[in-house]
Amino acid sequence: MLKIALPTIQINTNTRNYINALVLSGAEPETGSVIHPENCDGLLLPGGIDVNPSLFGQDKAPETEFDSALDTLQLGVLRRFMDLGKPVFGICRGHQLINVALGGTLIQHLPAAEDHMEICPGADHVHLCDAVPDSFIGRLYGTQFTVNSSHHQGVGIPGKGLRPVLHAQDGVIEAMEHETLPIWSVQFHPERMCYARRRSDTVDGSLLFLFFLEKCRKQDQ
């Protein structure tokens, strides 16, 4: 069975959503703050708290909250997986962290943040997106589809080698892929769009987990 690293400082309800999605997709998650990349087939960087703006050369905005210990942990693990050339998939915070690791910037509070944040606790926004046809996300879902949304920050300047391939209709970058490395990321939350959490008003998030695991499987062959 494929082993996927999921670096975390604590296990909470949100973390369990990622664990459940990986298990139901056919993988074994390796969680916690001690990760052994050489024993894993891929890395999943999950959603969570904001990234420290000092990491992309900005002062903290009033709306920003961060955890420097989590940044240090996940950036360190990410760089080790990149050095090994192993597949990486980022979700929400993970999408943003990948961008920062590759020299990009973030928008600390989107101009239309209320259109992307939770409507209320546990209730995601849903919005339409437009995909680049020849991208990983376009091949999975087509060129226009709906996703969920629960964030207030977004990618500003894309990091080196990252190609934005999905946008919300207000221009927010919703997915990226690396030009040469096995790295993919999404701003939305497929772990809350699949299996027991499958919803009728978005695409099926399980396709993304299955796509990522297939890339990990091929890398391992």
N, C-alpha and C. Protein backbone atom coordinates (compact mmCIF):
# COMPACT_ATOMS: atom_id res chain seq x y z
N MET A 1 0.84 -1.19 0.00
CA MET A 1 0.00 0.00 0.00
C MET A 1 0.88 1.25 0.00
N LEU A 2 0.47 2.25 -0.76
CA LEU A 2 1.21 3.49 -0.80
C LEU A 2 1.20 4.18 0.56
N LYS A 3 2.34 4.75 0.93
CA LYS A 3 2.43 5.50 2.19
C LYS A 3 2.59 6.98 1.86
N ILE A 4 1.68 7.80 2.39
CA ILE A 4 1.68 9.23 2.10
C ILE A 4 1.94 10.02 3.37
N ALA A 5 2.95 10.88 3.33
CA ALA A 5 3.29 11.72 4.47
C ALA A 5 2.26 12.83 4.62
N LEU A 6 1.84 13.08 5.86
CA LEU A 6 0.89 14.13 6.19
C LEU A 6 1.43 14.84 7.44
N PRO A 7 2.37 15.77 7.27
CA PRO A 7 3.03 16.37 8.42
C PRO A 7 2.12 17.31 9.21
N THR A 8 1.95 17.02 10.48
CA THR A 8 1.06 17.80 11.34
C THR A 8 1.66 17.88 12.74
N ILE A 9 1.26 18.92 13.47
CA ILE A 9 1.65 19.04 14.87
C ILE A 9 0.58 18.45 15.77
N GLN A 10 -0.68 18.57 15.35
CA GLN A 10 -1.76 17.96 16.11
C GLN A 10 -2.81 17.39 15.17
N ILE A 11 -3.47 16.32 15.62
CA ILE A 11 -4.55 15.70 14.86
C ILE A 11 -5.88 16.29 15.35
N ASN A 12 -6.63 16.89 14.44
CA ASN A 12 -7.94 17.43 14.79
C ASN A 12 -8.97 16.96 13.77
N THR A 13 -10.18 17.49 13.87
CA THR A 13 -11.25 17.06 12.96
C THR A 13 -10.88 17.29 11.51
N ASN A 14 -10.29 18.45 11.21
CA ASN A 14 -9.92 18.73 9.83
C ASN A 14 -8.85 17.76 9.33
N THR A 15 -7.86 17.46 10.18
CA THR A 15 -6.81 16.52 9.79
C THR A 15 -7.41 15.15 9.48
N ARG A 16 -8.39 14.74 10.28
CA ARG A 16 -9.02 13.43 10.08
C ARG A 16 -9.73 13.37 8.73
N ASN A 17 -10.20 14.50 8.22
CA ASN A 17 -10.82 14.50 6.88
C ASN A 17 -9.81 14.09 5.81
N TYR A 18 -8.57 14.58 5.94
CA TYR A 18 -7.51 14.22 4.99
C TYR A 18 -7.13 12.75 5.16
N ILE A 19 -7.01 12.32 6.39
CA ILE A 19 -6.67 10.93 6.66
C ILE A 19 -7.72 10.00 6.06
N ASN A 20 -9.00 10.33 6.29
CA ASN A 20 -10.09 9.49 5.76
C ASN A 20 -10.06 9.44 4.24
N ALA A 21 -9.83 10.59 3.60
CA ALA A 21 -9.80 10.62 2.14
C ALA A 21 -8.66 9.78 1.59
N LEU A 22 -7.50 9.84 2.24
CA LEU A 22 -6.36 9.04 1.78
C LEU A 22 -6.62 7.55 1.97
N VAL A 23 -7.14 7.18 3.14
CA VAL A 23 -7.41 5.77 3.42
C VAL A 23 -8.43 5.21 2.44
N LEU A 24 -9.52 5.95 2.22
CA LEU A 24 -10.57 5.48 1.32
C LEU A 24 -10.10 5.45 -0.13
N SER A 25 -9.07 6.22 -0.44
CA SER A 25 -8.50 6.21 -1.79
C SER A 25 -7.46 5.11 -1.96
N GLY A 26 -7.09 4.45 -0.85
CA GLY A 26 -6.18 3.32 -0.94
C GLY A 26 -4.77 3.58 -0.48
N ALA A 27 -4.57 4.57 0.41
CA ALA A 27 -3.22 4.89 0.89
C ALA A 27 -3.15 4.80 2.41
N GLU A 28 -1.93 4.71 2.91
CA GLU A 28 -1.67 4.70 4.35
C GLU A 28 -1.00 6.03 4.72
N PRO A 29 -1.67 6.89 5.49
CA PRO A 29 -1.06 8.17 5.88
C PRO A 29 -0.01 7.98 6.97
N GLU A 30 1.09 8.71 6.86
CA GLU A 30 2.08 8.81 7.94
C GLU A 30 1.96 10.22 8.51
N THR A 31 1.35 10.34 9.68
CA THR A 31 1.07 11.65 10.27
C THR A 31 2.07 11.98 11.36
N GLY A 32 1.98 13.22 11.86
CA GLY A 32 2.81 13.65 12.98
C GLY A 32 3.91 14.58 12.54
N SER A 33 4.82 14.88 13.50
CA SER A 33 5.88 15.85 13.24
C SER A 33 7.21 15.17 12.89
N VAL A 34 7.25 13.84 12.93
CA VAL A 34 8.45 13.11 12.52
C VAL A 34 8.11 12.32 11.26
N ILE A 35 8.61 12.80 10.15
CA ILE A 35 8.30 12.21 8.85
C ILE A 35 9.59 11.66 8.23
N HIS A 36 9.49 10.49 7.61
CA HIS A 36 10.64 9.87 6.95
C HIS A 36 10.37 9.82 5.44
N PRO A 37 10.74 10.87 4.70
CA PRO A 37 10.43 10.93 3.26
C PRO A 37 10.94 9.74 2.47
N GLU A 38 12.09 9.19 2.88
CA GLU A 38 12.65 8.06 2.14
C GLU A 38 11.77 6.82 2.22
N ASN A 39 10.89 6.77 3.23
CA ASN A 39 9.98 5.63 3.40
C ASN A 39 8.57 5.91 2.88
N CYS A 40 8.37 7.09 2.31
CA CYS A 40 7.04 7.48 1.84
C CYS A 40 7.02 7.61 0.32
N ASP A 41 5.84 7.44 -0.25
CA ASP A 41 5.68 7.53 -1.70
C ASP A 41 5.30 8.92 -2.17
N GLY A 42 4.77 9.74 -1.27
CA GLY A 42 4.36 11.08 -1.64
C GLY A 42 4.06 11.90 -0.42
N LEU A 43 3.82 13.19 -0.63
CA LEU A 43 3.56 14.15 0.45
C LEU A 43 2.25 14.87 0.18
N LEU A 44 1.37 14.88 1.18
CA LEU A 44 0.16 15.68 1.14
C LEU A 44 0.31 16.81 2.15
N LEU A 45 0.28 18.05 1.68
CA LEU A 45 0.30 19.22 2.55
C LEU A 45 -1.14 19.70 2.72
N PRO A 46 -1.69 19.61 3.93
CA PRO A 46 -3.11 19.89 4.14
C PRO A 46 -3.40 21.36 4.37
N GLY A 47 -4.70 21.67 4.50
CA GLY A 47 -5.13 23.00 4.87
C GLY A 47 -4.83 23.30 6.32
N GLY A 48 -5.06 24.54 6.71
CA GLY A 48 -4.80 24.94 8.09
C GLY A 48 -4.60 26.43 8.21
N ILE A 49 -3.88 26.83 9.24
CA ILE A 49 -3.67 28.23 9.56
C ILE A 49 -2.81 28.91 8.49
N ASP A 50 -2.82 30.26 8.48
CA ASP A 50 -2.07 31.03 7.49
C ASP A 50 -0.56 30.77 7.58
N VAL A 51 0.14 31.08 6.50
CA VAL A 51 1.60 31.01 6.44
C VAL A 51 2.18 32.33 6.96
N ASN A 52 3.27 32.25 7.73
CA ASN A 52 3.91 33.45 8.26
C ASN A 52 4.33 34.37 7.11
N PRO A 53 3.80 35.61 7.06
CA PRO A 53 4.11 36.50 5.94
C PRO A 53 5.58 36.90 5.85
N SER A 54 6.34 36.75 6.92
CA SER A 54 7.77 37.06 6.84
C SER A 54 8.48 36.12 5.87
N LEU A 55 7.89 34.95 5.62
CA LEU A 55 8.48 33.98 4.70
C LEU A 55 8.37 34.43 3.25
N PHE A 56 7.48 35.38 2.97
CA PHE A 56 7.41 35.91 1.60
C PHE A 56 7.56 37.43 1.61
N GLY A 57 8.29 37.95 2.61
CA GLY A 57 8.73 39.33 2.61
C GLY A 57 7.69 40.37 2.90
N GLN A 58 6.66 40.02 3.67
CA GLN A 58 5.62 40.98 4.00
C GLN A 58 5.45 41.09 5.51
N ASP A 59 4.94 42.25 5.93
CA ASP A 59 4.53 42.43 7.32
C ASP A 59 3.18 41.76 7.52
N LYS A 60 2.89 41.41 8.75
CA LYS A 60 1.64 40.74 9.08
C LYS A 60 0.45 41.69 8.91
N ALA A 61 -0.57 41.23 8.17
CA ALA A 61 -1.83 41.95 8.05
C ALA A 61 -2.69 41.67 9.28
N PRO A 62 -3.65 42.55 9.60
CA PRO A 62 -4.49 42.32 10.79
C PRO A 62 -5.24 41.00 10.76
N GLU A 63 -5.61 40.52 9.58
CA GLU A 63 -6.40 39.30 9.46
C GLU A 63 -5.58 38.01 9.53
N THR A 64 -4.25 38.13 9.49
CA THR A 64 -3.38 36.97 9.39
C THR A 64 -3.07 36.36 10.76
N GLU A 65 -3.19 35.03 10.82
CA GLU A 65 -2.77 34.26 12.00
C GLU A 65 -1.88 33.12 11.52
N PHE A 66 -0.79 32.86 12.23
CA PHE A 66 0.12 31.84 11.75
C PHE A 66 0.74 31.07 12.91
N ASP A 67 1.38 29.97 12.56
CA ASP A 67 2.04 29.09 13.51
C ASP A 67 3.44 28.80 12.95
N SER A 68 4.45 29.47 13.48
CA SER A 68 5.80 29.35 12.93
C SER A 68 6.35 27.94 13.04
N ALA A 69 5.97 27.21 14.09
CA ALA A 69 6.44 25.83 14.25
C ALA A 69 5.90 24.95 13.13
N LEU A 70 4.64 25.15 12.75
CA LEU A 70 4.04 24.38 11.67
C LEU A 70 4.69 24.73 10.34
N ASP A 71 4.95 26.03 10.13
CA ASP A 71 5.65 26.45 8.91
C ASP A 71 7.01 25.75 8.79
N THR A 72 7.76 25.75 9.89
CA THR A 72 9.10 25.15 9.88
C THR A 72 9.02 23.66 9.58
N LEU A 73 8.10 22.98 10.23
CA LEU A 73 7.92 21.54 10.01
C LEU A 73 7.59 21.25 8.55
N GLN A 74 6.53 21.88 8.04
CA GLN A 74 6.04 21.52 6.71
C GLN A 74 6.97 21.99 5.60
N LEU A 75 7.60 23.14 5.77
CA LEU A 75 8.56 23.58 4.75
C LEU A 75 9.77 22.66 4.70
N GLY A 76 10.22 22.21 5.87
CA GLY A 76 11.35 21.29 5.90
C GLY A 76 11.03 19.97 5.21
N VAL A 77 9.85 19.43 5.50
CA VAL A 77 9.44 18.18 4.87
C VAL A 77 9.26 18.37 3.36
N LEU A 78 8.63 19.47 2.97
CA LEU A 78 8.42 19.75 1.55
C LEU A 78 9.74 19.80 0.80
N ARG A 79 10.73 20.46 1.35
CA ARG A 79 12.02 20.58 0.65
C ARG A 79 12.71 19.23 0.53
N ARG A 80 12.53 18.36 1.51
CA ARG A 80 13.14 17.03 1.43
C ARG A 80 12.46 16.20 0.33
N PHE A 81 11.15 16.31 0.22
CA PHE A 81 10.45 15.59 -0.85
C PHE A 81 10.83 16.15 -2.22
N MET A 82 10.99 17.45 -2.31
CA MET A 82 11.40 18.04 -3.58
C MET A 82 12.80 17.58 -3.97
N ASP A 83 13.69 17.51 -2.99
CA ASP A 83 15.06 17.04 -3.27
C ASP A 83 15.05 15.60 -3.78
N LEU A 84 14.11 14.79 -3.25
CA LEU A 84 14.00 13.39 -3.66
C LEU A 84 13.22 13.22 -4.96
N GLY A 85 12.56 14.28 -5.42
CA GLY A 85 11.77 14.20 -6.64
C GLY A 85 10.49 13.41 -6.48
N LYS A 86 9.98 13.33 -5.23
CA LYS A 86 8.76 12.56 -4.99
C LYS A 86 7.52 13.45 -5.10
N PRO A 87 6.37 12.87 -5.48
CA PRO A 87 5.16 13.66 -5.72
C PRO A 87 4.66 14.40 -4.48
N VAL A 88 4.16 15.60 -4.71
CA VAL A 88 3.63 16.47 -3.66
C VAL A 88 2.27 17.00 -4.10
N PHE A 89 1.31 16.97 -3.19
CA PHE A 89 -0.02 17.52 -3.45
C PHE A 89 -0.38 18.46 -2.31
N GLY A 90 -0.67 19.71 -2.62
CA GLY A 90 -1.02 20.71 -1.62
C GLY A 90 -2.48 21.09 -1.70
N ILE A 91 -3.10 21.24 -0.54
CA ILE A 91 -4.52 21.64 -0.44
C ILE A 91 -4.62 22.87 0.45
N CYS A 92 -5.26 23.92 -0.04
CA CYS A 92 -5.53 25.17 0.68
C CYS A 92 -4.23 25.76 1.24
N ARG A 93 -3.98 25.64 2.53
CA ARG A 93 -2.70 26.11 3.07
C ARG A 93 -1.53 25.46 2.34
N GLY A 94 -1.67 24.16 2.03
CA GLY A 94 -0.61 23.46 1.32
C GLY A 94 -0.32 24.06 -0.05
N HIS A 95 -1.36 24.48 -0.74
CA HIS A 95 -1.26 25.17 -2.03
C HIS A 95 -0.46 26.46 -1.86
N GLN A 96 -0.76 27.20 -0.80
CA GLN A 96 -0.08 28.46 -0.54
C GLN A 96 1.36 28.25 -0.08
N LEU A 97 1.57 27.21 0.75
CA LEU A 97 2.91 26.94 1.25
C LEU A 97 3.86 26.53 0.12
N ILE A 98 3.38 25.72 -0.80
CA ILE A 98 4.18 25.35 -1.97
C ILE A 98 4.60 26.60 -2.73
N ASN A 99 3.67 27.52 -2.91
CA ASN A 99 3.97 28.74 -3.63
C ASN A 99 5.06 29.55 -2.92
N VAL A 100 4.96 29.67 -1.60
CA VAL A 100 5.96 30.40 -0.83
C VAL A 100 7.32 29.70 -0.89
N ALA A 101 7.33 28.37 -0.78
CA ALA A 101 8.58 27.61 -0.82
C ALA A 101 9.32 27.82 -2.13
N LEU A 102 8.59 28.09 -3.20
CA LEU A 102 9.20 28.28 -4.52
C LEU A 102 9.37 29.75 -4.86
N GLY A 103 9.32 30.61 -3.84
CA GLY A 103 9.63 32.01 -4.03
C GLY A 103 8.47 32.91 -4.37
N GLY A 104 7.25 32.40 -4.32
CA GLY A 104 6.08 33.21 -4.63
C GLY A 104 5.57 33.98 -3.42
N THR A 105 4.53 34.75 -3.63
CA THR A 105 3.93 35.56 -2.57
C THR A 105 2.46 35.18 -2.39
N LEU A 106 1.90 35.64 -1.28
CA LEU A 106 0.48 35.45 -1.00
C LEU A 106 -0.22 36.79 -0.83
N ILE A 107 -1.49 36.78 -1.12
CA ILE A 107 -2.37 37.91 -0.78
C ILE A 107 -2.93 37.58 0.60
N GLN A 108 -2.60 38.39 1.60
CA GLN A 108 -2.94 38.02 2.97
C GLN A 108 -4.43 38.09 3.28
N HIS A 109 -5.16 38.94 2.57
CA HIS A 109 -6.61 38.98 2.74
C HIS A 109 -7.20 39.40 1.40
N LEU A 110 -7.88 38.48 0.75
CA LEU A 110 -8.40 38.74 -0.60
C LEU A 110 -9.37 39.91 -0.61
N PRO A 111 -9.38 40.70 -1.69
CA PRO A 111 -10.34 41.81 -1.79
C PRO A 111 -11.79 41.35 -1.63
N ALA A 112 -12.11 40.16 -2.15
CA ALA A 112 -13.46 39.60 -2.02
C ALA A 112 -13.42 38.37 -1.12
N ALA A 113 -12.73 38.49 0.03
CA ALA A 113 -12.55 37.34 0.92
C ALA A 113 -13.87 36.73 1.35
N GLU A 114 -14.90 37.56 1.50
CA GLU A 114 -16.20 37.04 1.96
C GLU A 114 -16.81 36.07 0.96
N ASP A 115 -16.38 36.11 -0.29
CA ASP A 115 -16.88 35.18 -1.30
C ASP A 115 -16.14 33.84 -1.28
N HIS A 116 -15.09 33.75 -0.48
CA HIS A 116 -14.28 32.53 -0.43
C HIS A 116 -14.25 31.89 0.95
N MET A 117 -14.61 32.65 1.98
CA MET A 117 -14.58 32.13 3.34
C MET A 117 -15.82 31.29 3.63
N GLU A 118 -15.77 30.53 4.73
CA GLU A 118 -16.94 29.77 5.17
C GLU A 118 -18.13 30.69 5.36
N ILE A 119 -19.31 30.21 4.97
CA ILE A 119 -20.54 30.97 5.19
C ILE A 119 -20.80 31.03 6.70
N CYS A 120 -20.60 29.92 7.36
CA CYS A 120 -20.66 29.80 8.81
C CYS A 120 -19.84 28.55 9.15
N PRO A 121 -19.50 28.30 10.41
CA PRO A 121 -18.68 27.13 10.74
C PRO A 121 -19.23 25.83 10.15
N GLY A 122 -18.40 25.16 9.36
CA GLY A 122 -18.80 23.90 8.76
C GLY A 122 -19.54 24.01 7.44
N ALA A 123 -19.78 25.23 6.97
CA ALA A 123 -20.52 25.44 5.71
C ALA A 123 -19.65 26.20 4.72
N ASP A 124 -19.09 25.47 3.74
CA ASP A 124 -18.23 26.08 2.73
C ASP A 124 -19.03 26.89 1.73
N HIS A 125 -18.40 27.93 1.20
CA HIS A 125 -18.92 28.57 0.02
C HIS A 125 -18.75 27.61 -1.17
N VAL A 126 -19.51 27.82 -2.24
CA VAL A 126 -19.35 27.09 -3.50
C VAL A 126 -19.28 28.11 -4.62
N HIS A 127 -18.33 27.95 -5.53
CA HIS A 127 -18.24 28.89 -6.65
C HIS A 127 -17.72 28.20 -7.90
N LEU A 128 -17.90 28.87 -9.01
CA LEU A 128 -17.52 28.36 -10.32
C LEU A 128 -16.05 28.66 -10.59
N CYS A 129 -15.38 27.76 -11.32
CA CYS A 129 -13.98 27.94 -11.70
C CYS A 129 -13.80 27.64 -13.19
N ASP A 130 -12.74 28.21 -13.75
CA ASP A 130 -12.37 27.96 -15.14
C ASP A 130 -10.97 27.37 -15.20
N ALA A 131 -10.83 26.23 -15.90
CA ALA A 131 -9.57 25.49 -15.93
C ALA A 131 -8.89 25.59 -17.29
N VAL A 132 -7.56 25.51 -17.27
CA VAL A 132 -6.78 25.39 -18.50
C VAL A 132 -6.99 23.97 -19.04
N PRO A 133 -7.43 23.82 -20.30
CA PRO A 133 -7.79 22.49 -20.81
C PRO A 133 -6.69 21.44 -20.72
N ASP A 134 -5.43 21.81 -20.98
CA ASP A 134 -4.36 20.82 -21.02
C ASP A 134 -3.64 20.67 -19.68
N SER A 135 -4.33 20.99 -18.58
CA SER A 135 -3.75 20.88 -17.25
C SER A 135 -4.27 19.63 -16.55
N PHE A 136 -3.68 19.28 -15.42
CA PHE A 136 -4.15 18.11 -14.66
C PHE A 136 -5.60 18.29 -14.22
N ILE A 137 -5.95 19.49 -13.83
CA ILE A 137 -7.29 19.73 -13.31
C ILE A 137 -8.31 19.79 -14.45
N GLY A 138 -7.89 20.34 -15.59
CA GLY A 138 -8.77 20.39 -16.75
C GLY A 138 -9.06 19.00 -17.29
N ARG A 139 -8.05 18.13 -17.26
CA ARG A 139 -8.26 16.76 -17.74
C ARG A 139 -9.16 15.96 -16.79
N LEU A 140 -9.12 16.30 -15.51
CA LEU A 140 -9.97 15.59 -14.55
C LEU A 140 -11.43 16.03 -14.61
N TYR A 141 -11.65 17.33 -14.74
CA TYR A 141 -13.00 17.87 -14.54
C TYR A 141 -13.57 18.69 -15.69
N GLY A 142 -12.78 18.93 -16.73
CA GLY A 142 -13.27 19.80 -17.80
C GLY A 142 -12.86 21.24 -17.56
N THR A 143 -13.35 22.13 -18.39
CA THR A 143 -12.87 23.51 -18.36
C THR A 143 -13.67 24.42 -17.44
N GLN A 144 -14.84 24.00 -17.00
CA GLN A 144 -15.61 24.84 -16.08
C GLN A 144 -16.41 23.95 -15.12
N PHE A 145 -16.29 24.22 -13.84
CA PHE A 145 -16.95 23.39 -12.83
C PHE A 145 -16.97 24.13 -11.50
N THR A 146 -17.71 23.59 -10.53
CA THR A 146 -17.83 24.23 -9.22
C THR A 146 -17.02 23.47 -8.17
N VAL A 147 -16.49 24.24 -7.21
CA VAL A 147 -15.74 23.69 -6.08
C VAL A 147 -16.22 24.37 -4.80
N ASN A 148 -15.81 23.81 -3.66
CA ASN A 148 -16.10 24.47 -2.39
C ASN A 148 -15.01 25.49 -2.09
N SER A 149 -15.16 26.24 -1.02
CA SER A 149 -14.22 27.32 -0.73
C SER A 149 -14.28 27.68 0.75
N SER A 150 -13.10 27.76 1.39
CA SER A 150 -13.03 28.11 2.80
C SER A 150 -11.64 28.68 3.11
N HIS A 151 -11.40 29.90 2.63
CA HIS A 151 -10.09 30.54 2.83
C HIS A 151 -10.25 32.04 2.69
N HIS A 152 -9.29 32.78 3.22
CA HIS A 152 -9.33 34.25 3.06
C HIS A 152 -8.07 34.77 2.39
N GLN A 153 -7.06 33.91 2.23
CA GLN A 153 -5.84 34.30 1.53
C GLN A 153 -5.78 33.62 0.17
N GLY A 154 -4.83 34.02 -0.63
CA GLY A 154 -4.67 33.41 -1.95
C GLY A 154 -3.27 33.63 -2.49
N VAL A 155 -2.96 32.93 -3.56
CA VAL A 155 -1.66 33.10 -4.23
C VAL A 155 -1.60 34.47 -4.88
N GLY A 156 -0.47 35.15 -4.65
CA GLY A 156 -0.23 36.43 -5.30
C GLY A 156 0.61 36.21 -6.55
N ILE A 157 1.93 36.38 -6.41
CA ILE A 157 2.85 36.07 -7.52
C ILE A 157 3.20 34.59 -7.45
N PRO A 158 2.97 33.83 -8.52
CA PRO A 158 3.31 32.39 -8.50
C PRO A 158 4.80 32.16 -8.33
N GLY A 159 5.15 31.10 -7.60
CA GLY A 159 6.54 30.74 -7.40
C GLY A 159 7.19 30.20 -8.66
N LYS A 160 8.50 30.07 -8.62
CA LYS A 160 9.27 29.63 -9.78
C LYS A 160 8.84 28.24 -10.25
N GLY A 161 8.49 28.16 -11.53
CA GLY A 161 8.11 26.89 -12.14
C GLY A 161 6.65 26.53 -11.98
N LEU A 162 5.90 27.30 -11.20
CA LEU A 162 4.49 26.98 -10.98
C LEU A 162 3.60 27.63 -12.04
N ARG A 163 2.70 26.84 -12.56
CA ARG A 163 1.78 27.30 -13.61
C ARG A 163 0.36 27.33 -13.05
N PRO A 164 -0.26 28.51 -12.93
CA PRO A 164 -1.66 28.57 -12.52
C PRO A 164 -2.55 27.95 -13.60
N VAL A 165 -3.42 27.02 -13.21
CA VAL A 165 -4.22 26.29 -14.20
C VAL A 165 -5.72 26.30 -13.89
N LEU A 166 -6.11 26.95 -12.81
CA LEU A 166 -7.52 27.05 -12.46
C LEU A 166 -7.74 28.37 -11.74
N HIS A 167 -8.78 29.10 -12.15
CA HIS A 167 -9.10 30.38 -11.52
C HIS A 167 -10.57 30.44 -11.16
N ALA A 168 -10.85 31.04 -10.00
CA ALA A 168 -12.22 31.44 -9.69
C ALA A 168 -12.58 32.58 -10.62
N GLN A 169 -13.84 32.89 -10.72
CA GLN A 169 -14.25 33.91 -11.68
C GLN A 169 -13.83 35.32 -11.27
N ASP A 170 -13.40 35.50 -10.01
CA ASP A 170 -12.86 36.79 -9.60
C ASP A 170 -11.34 36.83 -9.74
N GLY A 171 -10.76 35.79 -10.34
CA GLY A 171 -9.33 35.78 -10.63
C GLY A 171 -8.46 35.05 -9.62
N VAL A 172 -9.01 34.61 -8.49
CA VAL A 172 -8.21 33.90 -7.49
C VAL A 172 -7.68 32.60 -8.09
N ILE A 173 -6.39 32.34 -7.90
CA ILE A 173 -5.76 31.12 -8.42
C ILE A 173 -6.20 29.93 -7.57
N GLU A 174 -6.89 28.97 -8.19
CA GLU A 174 -7.47 27.84 -7.47
C GLU A 174 -6.71 26.54 -7.65
N ALA A 175 -5.75 26.49 -8.58
CA ALA A 175 -4.93 25.30 -8.75
C ALA A 175 -3.66 25.67 -9.51
N MET A 176 -2.59 24.92 -9.22
CA MET A 176 -1.32 25.11 -9.92
C MET A 176 -0.66 23.76 -10.15
N GLU A 177 0.22 23.72 -11.13
CA GLU A 177 1.06 22.54 -11.37
C GLU A 177 2.46 23.01 -11.71
N HIS A 178 3.45 22.23 -11.32
CA HIS A 178 4.83 22.61 -11.60
C HIS A 178 5.21 22.17 -13.01
N GLU A 179 6.04 22.98 -13.65
CA GLU A 179 6.41 22.71 -15.05
C GLU A 179 7.27 21.46 -15.20
N THR A 180 8.07 21.14 -14.19
CA THR A 180 8.99 20.00 -14.32
C THR A 180 8.92 19.02 -13.15
N LEU A 181 8.57 19.48 -11.97
CA LEU A 181 8.53 18.63 -10.78
C LEU A 181 7.12 18.03 -10.59
N PRO A 182 7.03 16.87 -9.91
CA PRO A 182 5.72 16.26 -9.66
C PRO A 182 5.00 16.94 -8.50
N ILE A 183 4.57 18.18 -8.74
CA ILE A 183 3.91 18.99 -7.71
C ILE A 183 2.61 19.54 -8.28
N TRP A 184 1.53 19.34 -7.51
CA TRP A 184 0.20 19.84 -7.88
C TRP A 184 -0.45 20.44 -6.64
N SER A 185 -1.30 21.42 -6.83
CA SER A 185 -1.96 22.01 -5.67
C SER A 185 -3.31 22.60 -6.04
N VAL A 186 -4.20 22.64 -5.04
CA VAL A 186 -5.52 23.25 -5.21
C VAL A 186 -5.83 24.11 -4.00
N GLN A 187 -6.56 25.19 -4.22
CA GLN A 187 -6.96 26.08 -3.13
C GLN A 187 -8.20 25.56 -2.39
N PHE A 188 -9.03 24.81 -3.08
CA PHE A 188 -10.28 24.33 -2.47
C PHE A 188 -10.03 23.05 -1.65
N HIS A 189 -11.09 22.41 -1.19
CA HIS A 189 -10.97 21.30 -0.24
C HIS A 189 -11.60 20.01 -0.77
N PRO A 190 -10.87 19.24 -1.58
CA PRO A 190 -11.43 18.00 -2.11
C PRO A 190 -11.73 16.96 -1.03
N GLU A 191 -11.04 17.05 0.11
CA GLU A 191 -11.31 16.09 1.20
C GLU A 191 -12.71 16.28 1.79
N ARG A 192 -13.33 17.42 1.49
CA ARG A 192 -14.71 17.66 1.94
C ARG A 192 -15.68 17.58 0.75
N MET A 193 -15.22 16.94 -0.33
CA MET A 193 -16.04 16.79 -1.53
C MET A 193 -16.01 15.34 -2.01
N CYS A 194 -15.73 14.39 -1.11
CA CYS A 194 -15.56 13.01 -1.55
C CYS A 194 -16.06 12.02 -0.51
N TYR A 195 -16.34 10.79 -0.99
CA TYR A 195 -16.74 9.67 -0.15
C TYR A 195 -17.93 10.08 0.74
N ALA A 196 -17.83 9.91 2.05
CA ALA A 196 -18.97 10.23 2.92
C ALA A 196 -19.30 11.72 2.89
N ARG A 197 -18.36 12.54 2.46
CA ARG A 197 -18.58 13.99 2.40
C ARG A 197 -18.83 14.48 0.97
N ARG A 198 -19.10 13.56 0.07
CA ARG A 198 -19.44 13.91 -1.31
C ARG A 198 -20.65 14.82 -1.32
N ARG A 199 -20.61 15.86 -2.14
CA ARG A 199 -21.72 16.82 -2.21
C ARG A 199 -22.18 16.95 -3.66
N SER A 200 -23.44 17.28 -3.81
CA SER A 200 -24.06 17.31 -5.15
C SER A 200 -23.79 18.61 -5.89
N ASP A 201 -23.30 19.65 -5.19
CA ASP A 201 -23.13 20.95 -5.83
C ASP A 201 -21.69 21.23 -6.24
N THR A 202 -20.80 20.23 -6.15
CA THR A 202 -19.42 20.37 -6.61
C THR A 202 -19.01 19.10 -7.37
N VAL A 203 -17.84 19.17 -7.98
CA VAL A 203 -17.28 17.97 -8.58
C VAL A 203 -16.83 17.00 -7.48
N ASP A 204 -16.49 15.78 -7.87
CA ASP A 204 -16.10 14.74 -6.93
C ASP A 204 -14.62 14.86 -6.56
N GLY A 205 -14.35 15.23 -5.31
CA GLY A 205 -12.98 15.43 -4.87
C GLY A 205 -12.13 14.19 -4.86
N SER A 206 -12.74 13.01 -4.84
CA SER A 206 -11.95 11.77 -4.80
C SER A 206 -11.08 11.61 -6.05
N LEU A 207 -11.49 12.20 -7.16
CA LEU A 207 -10.69 12.08 -8.39
C LEU A 207 -9.30 12.69 -8.20
N LEU A 208 -9.21 13.74 -7.40
CA LEU A 208 -7.90 14.36 -7.15
C LEU A 208 -7.01 13.46 -6.31
N PHE A 209 -7.58 12.84 -5.29
CA PHE A 209 -6.79 11.92 -4.46
C PHE A 209 -6.33 10.71 -5.28
N LEU A 210 -7.21 10.19 -6.12
CA LEU A 210 -6.85 9.04 -6.95
C LEU A 210 -5.80 9.42 -7.99
N PHE A 211 -5.91 10.63 -8.54
CA PHE A 211 -4.90 11.15 -9.47
C PHE A 211 -3.53 11.22 -8.79
N PHE A 212 -3.50 11.80 -7.60
CA PHE A 212 -2.25 11.96 -6.87
C PHE A 212 -1.63 10.60 -6.52
N LEU A 213 -2.44 9.68 -6.05
CA LEU A 213 -1.93 8.36 -5.69
C LEU A 213 -1.41 7.60 -6.90
N GLU A 214 -2.05 7.79 -8.04
CA GLU A 214 -1.55 7.16 -9.27
C GLU A 214 -0.19 7.70 -9.64
N LYS A 215 0.02 9.01 -9.46
CA LYS A 215 1.34 9.61 -9.73
C LYS A 215 2.39 9.04 -8.77
N CYS A 216 1.98 8.86 -7.50
CA CYS A 216 2.90 8.27 -6.52
C CYS A 216 3.25 6.83 -6.89
N ARG A 217 2.27 6.10 -7.36
CA ARG A 217 2.47 4.70 -7.74
C ARG A 217 3.44 4.60 -8.93
N LYS A 218 3.27 5.45 -9.92
CA LYS A 218 4.15 5.43 -11.09
C LYS A 218 5.56 5.84 -10.73
N GLN A 219 5.68 6.80 -9.81
CA GLN A 219 7.00 7.26 -9.38
C GLN A 219 7.76 6.13 -8.69
N ASP A 220 7.01 5.25 -8.05
CA ASP A 220 7.61 4.19 -7.26
C ASP A 220 8.02 2.99 -8.11
N GLN A 221 7.58 2.95 -9.37
CA GLN A 221 7.82 1.79 -10.22
C GLN A 221 9.21 1.87 -10.88
